[in-house]
N, C-alpha and C. Protein backbone atom coordinates (compact mmCIF):
# COMPACT_ATOMS: atom_id res chain seq x y z
N MET A 1 7.84 14.34 -20.92
CA MET A 1 7.93 12.89 -20.84
C MET A 1 9.16 12.46 -21.62
N ASP A 2 9.95 11.58 -21.04
CA ASP A 2 11.16 11.06 -21.67
C ASP A 2 10.86 9.74 -22.38
N PHE A 3 11.52 9.51 -23.51
CA PHE A 3 11.34 8.28 -24.28
C PHE A 3 12.69 7.62 -24.50
N TYR A 4 12.69 6.27 -24.43
CA TYR A 4 13.89 5.47 -24.58
C TYR A 4 13.72 4.52 -25.75
N ASP A 5 14.81 4.27 -26.49
CA ASP A 5 14.73 3.37 -27.64
C ASP A 5 14.80 1.91 -27.20
N LYS A 6 14.83 1.00 -28.17
CA LYS A 6 14.80 -0.44 -27.86
C LYS A 6 16.05 -0.94 -27.16
N PHE A 7 17.10 -0.10 -27.09
CA PHE A 7 18.32 -0.48 -26.39
C PHE A 7 18.38 0.13 -24.99
N GLY A 8 17.36 0.90 -24.61
CA GLY A 8 17.32 1.53 -23.30
C GLY A 8 18.03 2.87 -23.26
N THR A 9 18.41 3.39 -24.42
CA THR A 9 19.11 4.66 -24.51
C THR A 9 18.11 5.81 -24.54
N ALA A 10 18.39 6.86 -23.79
CA ALA A 10 17.54 8.05 -23.82
C ALA A 10 17.52 8.59 -25.24
N ALA A 11 16.33 8.72 -25.81
CA ALA A 11 16.22 9.08 -27.23
C ALA A 11 15.70 10.50 -27.41
N VAL A 12 14.50 10.76 -26.96
CA VAL A 12 13.87 12.07 -27.11
C VAL A 12 13.00 12.35 -25.90
N TYR A 13 12.59 13.60 -25.78
CA TYR A 13 11.61 13.94 -24.75
C TYR A 13 10.58 14.88 -25.37
N ALA A 14 9.38 14.84 -24.81
CA ALA A 14 8.30 15.69 -25.28
C ALA A 14 8.35 17.02 -24.54
N LYS A 15 8.27 18.08 -25.30
CA LYS A 15 8.24 19.43 -24.74
C LYS A 15 7.20 20.22 -25.52
N ILE A 16 6.14 20.59 -24.87
CA ILE A 16 5.00 21.26 -25.46
C ILE A 16 4.46 20.39 -26.60
N SER A 17 4.64 20.76 -27.84
CA SER A 17 4.11 19.94 -28.94
C SER A 17 5.23 19.43 -29.86
N TYR A 18 6.41 19.23 -29.29
CA TYR A 18 7.56 18.75 -30.06
C TYR A 18 8.24 17.59 -29.36
N LEU A 19 8.96 16.78 -30.12
CA LEU A 19 9.90 15.82 -29.57
C LEU A 19 11.29 16.39 -29.81
N ILE A 20 12.10 16.41 -28.76
CA ILE A 20 13.42 17.02 -28.77
C ILE A 20 14.46 15.97 -28.38
N THR A 21 15.62 15.95 -29.06
CA THR A 21 16.69 15.03 -28.66
C THR A 21 17.37 15.57 -27.40
N TRP A 22 18.12 14.72 -26.74
CA TRP A 22 18.85 15.15 -25.55
C TRP A 22 19.86 16.24 -25.90
N GLU A 23 20.26 16.31 -27.17
CA GLU A 23 21.21 17.34 -27.62
C GLU A 23 20.50 18.67 -27.88
N GLY A 24 19.15 18.70 -27.75
CA GLY A 24 18.40 19.93 -27.90
C GLY A 24 17.83 20.16 -29.29
N LYS A 25 17.91 19.17 -30.18
CA LYS A 25 17.42 19.33 -31.55
C LYS A 25 15.97 18.88 -31.66
N PRO A 26 15.06 19.76 -32.12
CA PRO A 26 13.68 19.35 -32.38
C PRO A 26 13.67 18.37 -33.56
N VAL A 27 12.99 17.23 -33.40
CA VAL A 27 12.97 16.22 -34.46
C VAL A 27 11.57 15.86 -34.94
N ALA A 28 10.55 16.22 -34.18
CA ALA A 28 9.18 15.90 -34.59
C ALA A 28 8.19 16.85 -33.95
N LEU A 29 7.10 17.04 -34.65
CA LEU A 29 6.00 17.86 -34.17
C LEU A 29 4.86 16.91 -33.78
N ILE A 30 4.26 17.15 -32.65
CA ILE A 30 3.13 16.34 -32.18
C ILE A 30 1.85 17.11 -32.47
N SER A 31 0.94 16.47 -33.18
CA SER A 31 -0.37 17.06 -33.46
C SER A 31 -1.41 16.00 -33.16
N ARG A 32 -2.15 16.21 -32.09
CA ARG A 32 -3.06 15.21 -31.53
C ARG A 32 -2.21 14.00 -31.17
N ASN A 33 -2.43 12.84 -31.78
CA ASN A 33 -1.58 11.69 -31.47
C ASN A 33 -0.68 11.33 -32.65
N ALA A 34 -0.61 12.22 -33.65
CA ALA A 34 0.22 11.98 -34.83
C ALA A 34 1.57 12.68 -34.68
N LEU A 35 2.60 12.10 -35.30
CA LEU A 35 3.94 12.69 -35.32
C LEU A 35 4.29 13.08 -36.75
N PHE A 36 4.85 14.26 -36.89
CA PHE A 36 5.27 14.77 -38.18
C PHE A 36 6.75 15.14 -38.10
N SER A 37 7.49 14.86 -39.19
CA SER A 37 8.89 15.27 -39.23
C SER A 37 8.94 16.79 -39.23
N MET A 38 10.11 17.34 -39.05
CA MET A 38 10.24 18.79 -39.05
C MET A 38 10.03 19.35 -40.46
N ARG A 39 9.98 18.48 -41.47
CA ARG A 39 9.64 18.90 -42.84
C ARG A 39 8.14 18.86 -43.06
N GLY A 40 7.38 18.34 -42.07
CA GLY A 40 5.93 18.32 -42.17
C GLY A 40 5.34 17.04 -42.73
N THR A 41 6.13 15.96 -42.87
CA THR A 41 5.58 14.70 -43.36
C THR A 41 5.19 13.82 -42.18
N HIS A 42 4.10 13.09 -42.33
CA HIS A 42 3.64 12.20 -41.27
C HIS A 42 4.62 11.03 -41.13
N ILE A 43 5.09 10.78 -39.90
CA ILE A 43 6.06 9.70 -39.69
C ILE A 43 5.57 8.62 -38.73
N GLY A 44 4.58 8.92 -37.90
CA GLY A 44 4.12 7.91 -36.96
C GLY A 44 3.13 8.47 -35.96
N PHE A 45 3.10 7.81 -34.79
CA PHE A 45 2.10 8.15 -33.78
C PHE A 45 2.73 8.14 -32.39
N ILE A 46 2.07 8.84 -31.47
CA ILE A 46 2.46 8.84 -30.07
C ILE A 46 1.19 8.63 -29.25
N SER A 47 1.23 7.62 -28.39
CA SER A 47 0.04 7.30 -27.61
C SER A 47 0.41 6.38 -26.46
N SER A 48 -0.16 6.62 -25.30
CA SER A 48 0.00 5.76 -24.12
C SER A 48 1.46 5.52 -23.76
N GLY A 49 2.31 6.51 -23.99
CA GLY A 49 3.72 6.39 -23.64
C GLY A 49 4.55 5.64 -24.68
N TRP A 50 4.01 5.43 -25.86
CA TRP A 50 4.72 4.75 -26.95
C TRP A 50 4.86 5.69 -28.14
N ILE A 51 6.00 5.66 -28.79
CA ILE A 51 6.19 6.27 -30.10
C ILE A 51 6.20 5.10 -31.06
N ARG A 52 5.32 5.16 -32.07
CA ARG A 52 5.16 4.03 -33.01
C ARG A 52 5.32 4.50 -34.45
N ASP A 53 5.83 3.58 -35.29
CA ASP A 53 5.92 3.89 -36.71
C ASP A 53 4.54 3.78 -37.35
N ARG A 54 4.44 3.95 -38.65
CA ARG A 54 3.15 3.95 -39.34
C ARG A 54 2.52 2.56 -39.41
N HIS A 55 3.27 1.53 -39.01
CA HIS A 55 2.73 0.17 -39.01
C HIS A 55 2.22 -0.24 -37.63
N GLY A 56 2.53 0.55 -36.60
CA GLY A 56 2.13 0.22 -35.23
C GLY A 56 3.24 -0.41 -34.41
N ASP A 57 4.44 -0.57 -35.02
CA ASP A 57 5.59 -1.11 -34.28
C ASP A 57 6.22 -0.02 -33.42
N ALA A 58 6.78 -0.41 -32.29
CA ALA A 58 7.35 0.55 -31.34
C ALA A 58 8.69 1.09 -31.83
N ILE A 59 8.88 2.38 -31.67
CA ILE A 59 10.14 3.07 -31.95
C ILE A 59 10.82 3.41 -30.62
N ALA A 60 10.03 3.87 -29.65
CA ALA A 60 10.55 4.26 -28.34
C ALA A 60 9.40 4.20 -27.34
N CYS A 61 9.76 4.19 -26.05
CA CYS A 61 8.72 4.15 -25.03
C CYS A 61 9.14 4.98 -23.82
N ALA A 62 8.13 5.40 -23.09
CA ALA A 62 8.34 6.14 -21.85
C ALA A 62 8.31 5.16 -20.69
N PRO A 63 8.92 5.50 -19.58
CA PRO A 63 8.86 4.62 -18.41
C PRO A 63 7.42 4.36 -17.95
N THR A 64 6.51 5.28 -18.24
CA THR A 64 5.12 5.15 -17.80
C THR A 64 4.21 4.59 -18.89
N ARG A 65 4.77 3.91 -19.87
CA ARG A 65 3.98 3.39 -21.00
C ARG A 65 2.89 2.45 -20.51
N ARG A 66 1.85 2.31 -21.34
CA ARG A 66 0.75 1.39 -21.06
C ARG A 66 0.39 0.67 -22.34
N GLY A 67 -0.32 -0.42 -22.21
CA GLY A 67 -0.87 -1.11 -23.36
C GLY A 67 0.10 -2.05 -24.05
N VAL A 68 -0.27 -2.43 -25.26
CA VAL A 68 0.47 -3.41 -26.05
C VAL A 68 1.83 -2.86 -26.47
N GLY A 69 2.84 -3.69 -26.33
CA GLY A 69 4.17 -3.30 -26.78
C GLY A 69 5.17 -4.42 -26.54
N PRO A 70 6.36 -4.27 -27.08
CA PRO A 70 7.40 -5.30 -26.92
C PRO A 70 8.03 -5.24 -25.53
N MET A 71 8.83 -6.25 -25.24
CA MET A 71 9.62 -6.23 -24.00
C MET A 71 10.54 -5.02 -24.07
N THR A 72 10.69 -4.35 -22.95
CA THR A 72 11.53 -3.16 -22.93
C THR A 72 12.82 -3.44 -22.18
N PRO A 73 13.92 -2.84 -22.62
CA PRO A 73 15.21 -3.08 -21.98
C PRO A 73 15.35 -2.27 -20.69
N ILE A 74 16.38 -2.57 -19.96
CA ILE A 74 16.73 -1.75 -18.79
C ILE A 74 17.20 -0.40 -19.31
N ARG A 75 16.68 0.65 -18.73
CA ARG A 75 17.03 1.99 -19.19
C ARG A 75 18.40 2.41 -18.67
N ALA A 76 19.18 3.02 -19.56
CA ALA A 76 20.46 3.59 -19.17
C ALA A 76 20.19 4.94 -18.50
N VAL A 77 21.11 5.37 -17.67
CA VAL A 77 20.98 6.69 -17.04
C VAL A 77 21.19 7.73 -18.14
N PRO A 78 20.22 8.61 -18.34
CA PRO A 78 20.36 9.59 -19.42
C PRO A 78 21.34 10.69 -19.06
N PRO A 79 21.99 11.26 -20.09
CA PRO A 79 22.85 12.42 -19.83
C PRO A 79 21.98 13.64 -19.54
N ALA A 80 22.61 14.73 -19.17
CA ALA A 80 21.87 15.98 -18.96
C ALA A 80 21.32 16.47 -20.29
N LYS A 81 20.14 17.04 -20.25
CA LYS A 81 19.52 17.57 -21.47
C LYS A 81 20.14 18.91 -21.82
N ALA A 82 20.44 19.10 -23.11
CA ALA A 82 20.93 20.39 -23.59
C ALA A 82 19.75 21.34 -23.71
N ILE A 83 20.04 22.60 -23.80
CA ILE A 83 18.99 23.60 -24.00
C ILE A 83 18.40 23.37 -25.39
N ALA A 84 17.09 23.26 -25.45
CA ALA A 84 16.42 22.99 -26.71
C ALA A 84 16.42 24.21 -27.63
N ALA A 85 16.69 23.95 -28.90
CA ALA A 85 16.61 25.01 -29.91
C ALA A 85 15.14 25.37 -30.12
N THR A 86 14.90 26.57 -30.59
CA THR A 86 13.53 26.98 -30.89
C THR A 86 13.11 26.31 -32.19
N PRO A 87 12.09 25.46 -32.13
CA PRO A 87 11.68 24.76 -33.35
C PRO A 87 10.93 25.68 -34.30
N PRO A 88 11.11 25.44 -35.61
CA PRO A 88 10.32 26.22 -36.57
C PRO A 88 8.86 25.78 -36.52
N THR A 89 7.99 26.65 -36.86
CA THR A 89 6.57 26.32 -36.89
C THR A 89 6.18 26.02 -38.34
N PRO A 90 5.73 24.79 -38.61
CA PRO A 90 5.36 24.47 -40.00
C PRO A 90 4.12 25.26 -40.42
N GLU A 91 4.08 25.60 -41.71
CA GLU A 91 2.94 26.35 -42.22
C GLU A 91 1.71 25.47 -42.38
N PHE A 92 1.93 24.19 -42.70
CA PHE A 92 0.81 23.31 -42.99
C PHE A 92 1.17 21.88 -42.58
N LEU A 93 0.25 21.20 -41.94
CA LEU A 93 0.41 19.78 -41.64
C LEU A 93 -0.72 19.02 -42.32
N PRO A 94 -0.37 17.95 -43.04
CA PRO A 94 -1.43 17.16 -43.66
C PRO A 94 -2.22 16.40 -42.61
N ASP A 95 -3.38 15.91 -42.98
CA ASP A 95 -4.14 15.05 -42.09
C ASP A 95 -3.39 13.74 -41.92
N ALA A 96 -3.34 13.24 -40.73
CA ALA A 96 -2.69 11.95 -40.47
C ALA A 96 -3.66 10.82 -40.76
N PRO A 97 -3.14 9.68 -41.21
CA PRO A 97 -4.02 8.53 -41.40
C PRO A 97 -4.48 8.01 -40.04
N GLU A 98 -5.41 7.10 -40.06
CA GLU A 98 -5.87 6.48 -38.82
C GLU A 98 -4.73 5.68 -38.20
N MET A 99 -4.62 5.75 -36.88
CA MET A 99 -3.55 5.03 -36.19
C MET A 99 -3.79 3.53 -36.29
N PRO A 100 -2.75 2.76 -36.69
CA PRO A 100 -2.93 1.31 -36.78
C PRO A 100 -3.00 0.68 -35.40
N LYS A 101 -3.45 -0.54 -35.36
CA LYS A 101 -3.50 -1.29 -34.11
C LYS A 101 -2.06 -1.47 -33.60
N PRO A 102 -1.80 -1.15 -32.32
CA PRO A 102 -0.45 -1.33 -31.78
C PRO A 102 0.00 -2.78 -31.88
N ARG A 103 1.28 -2.96 -32.19
CA ARG A 103 1.85 -4.30 -32.29
C ARG A 103 2.87 -4.48 -31.17
N SER A 104 3.15 -5.72 -30.86
CA SER A 104 4.06 -6.01 -29.74
C SER A 104 5.47 -6.29 -30.23
N SER A 105 5.92 -5.52 -31.21
CA SER A 105 7.28 -5.70 -31.73
C SER A 105 7.94 -4.34 -31.89
N TRP A 106 9.28 -4.38 -31.85
CA TRP A 106 10.05 -3.17 -32.11
C TRP A 106 10.12 -2.98 -33.61
N SER A 107 10.13 -1.77 -34.06
CA SER A 107 10.22 -1.45 -35.47
C SER A 107 11.60 -1.81 -36.01
N ALA A 108 11.67 -2.15 -37.28
CA ALA A 108 12.95 -2.40 -37.96
C ALA A 108 13.65 -1.08 -38.26
N ILE A 109 12.95 0.02 -38.10
CA ILE A 109 13.50 1.34 -38.40
C ILE A 109 14.25 1.87 -37.19
N SER A 110 15.47 2.34 -37.40
CA SER A 110 16.21 2.95 -36.29
C SER A 110 15.55 4.26 -35.91
N ILE A 111 15.79 4.70 -34.71
CA ILE A 111 15.15 5.94 -34.27
C ILE A 111 15.63 7.13 -35.11
N ALA A 112 16.90 7.14 -35.50
CA ALA A 112 17.41 8.23 -36.35
C ALA A 112 16.73 8.21 -37.71
N ASP A 113 16.60 7.04 -38.32
CA ASP A 113 15.94 6.93 -39.62
C ASP A 113 14.46 7.28 -39.51
N PHE A 114 13.83 6.93 -38.40
CA PHE A 114 12.41 7.25 -38.18
C PHE A 114 12.19 8.75 -38.25
N PHE A 115 12.97 9.51 -37.52
CA PHE A 115 12.77 10.96 -37.49
C PHE A 115 13.15 11.63 -38.80
N GLU A 116 14.00 10.99 -39.60
CA GLU A 116 14.35 11.53 -40.92
C GLU A 116 13.46 10.96 -42.01
N ASP A 117 12.53 10.05 -41.66
CA ASP A 117 11.61 9.39 -42.60
C ASP A 117 12.38 8.68 -43.71
N ARG A 118 13.40 7.90 -43.29
CA ARG A 118 14.20 7.10 -44.23
C ARG A 118 13.82 5.64 -44.11
N PRO A 119 14.06 4.84 -45.16
CA PRO A 119 13.76 3.41 -45.09
C PRO A 119 14.63 2.71 -44.05
N ALA A 120 14.13 1.60 -43.54
CA ALA A 120 14.93 0.78 -42.63
C ALA A 120 16.10 0.19 -43.40
N ARG A 121 17.12 -0.21 -42.69
CA ARG A 121 18.31 -0.77 -43.32
C ARG A 121 17.97 -1.98 -44.20
N GLY A 122 16.94 -2.73 -43.83
CA GLY A 122 16.52 -3.88 -44.62
C GLY A 122 15.67 -3.49 -45.82
N GLY A 123 15.38 -2.20 -45.96
CA GLY A 123 14.64 -1.73 -47.11
C GLY A 123 13.17 -1.45 -46.86
N ARG A 124 12.64 -1.82 -45.69
CA ARG A 124 11.22 -1.58 -45.41
C ARG A 124 11.01 -0.10 -45.18
N LEU A 125 10.12 0.48 -45.94
CA LEU A 125 9.84 1.90 -45.79
C LEU A 125 8.96 2.13 -44.58
N ASN A 126 9.13 3.26 -43.95
CA ASN A 126 8.27 3.66 -42.84
C ASN A 126 7.00 4.27 -43.42
N SER A 127 6.31 3.48 -44.21
CA SER A 127 5.07 3.98 -44.76
C SER A 127 4.22 2.83 -45.23
N ILE A 128 2.99 3.11 -45.41
CA ILE A 128 2.10 2.17 -46.07
C ILE A 128 2.00 2.73 -47.48
N LEU A 129 2.60 2.04 -48.43
CA LEU A 129 2.77 2.57 -49.77
C LEU A 129 1.43 2.93 -50.43
N PRO A 130 1.22 4.21 -50.76
CA PRO A 130 -0.01 4.61 -51.42
C PRO A 130 0.12 4.54 -52.94
N TRP A 131 1.23 4.01 -53.44
CA TRP A 131 1.46 3.91 -54.87
C TRP A 131 1.87 2.48 -55.18
N PRO A 132 1.83 2.06 -56.43
CA PRO A 132 2.17 0.68 -56.77
C PRO A 132 3.61 0.35 -56.39
N ALA A 133 3.80 -0.85 -55.84
CA ALA A 133 5.16 -1.29 -55.49
C ALA A 133 6.02 -1.24 -56.73
N GLY A 134 7.21 -0.72 -56.58
CA GLY A 134 8.15 -0.60 -57.68
C GLY A 134 7.94 0.66 -58.50
N GLY A 135 6.82 1.35 -58.27
CA GLY A 135 6.56 2.59 -59.00
C GLY A 135 7.30 3.75 -58.39
N PRO A 136 7.32 4.87 -59.05
CA PRO A 136 8.04 6.02 -58.49
C PRO A 136 7.34 6.56 -57.25
N ARG A 137 8.12 6.97 -56.29
CA ARG A 137 7.55 7.56 -55.07
C ARG A 137 7.22 9.01 -55.35
N PRO A 138 6.00 9.42 -55.03
CA PRO A 138 5.65 10.82 -55.27
C PRO A 138 6.47 11.75 -54.40
N ALA A 139 6.72 12.95 -54.89
CA ALA A 139 7.53 13.93 -54.14
C ALA A 139 6.76 14.49 -52.99
């Protein structure tokens, strides 16, 4: 299944239990409906043709998406897919939190920052903070 970002650009595709970029780089592991970075940290969810951040906002969508979501742009013609690299197999994946209710907005997080689990440019973290605001982030 192919996924497109909020600009209609081909972003990633699902292959077995991974999300792969068009350049062939594995960027996320799919476990049930949860998404994990290649470092093994929970980054979001995949369901009904939507890739969502931990808040339920859309990161990318498939042409066959269903359910709640934002307006989607006209899709650009994707380039040819490169041969995918063999992804590493993580030793351990933590339990994912419960999936939040889907929202009808695009995430403030860019797709590149999402897969790297980095804060949005405006400073909003792709997480529901489990520690006090302003406190140190656990490693």
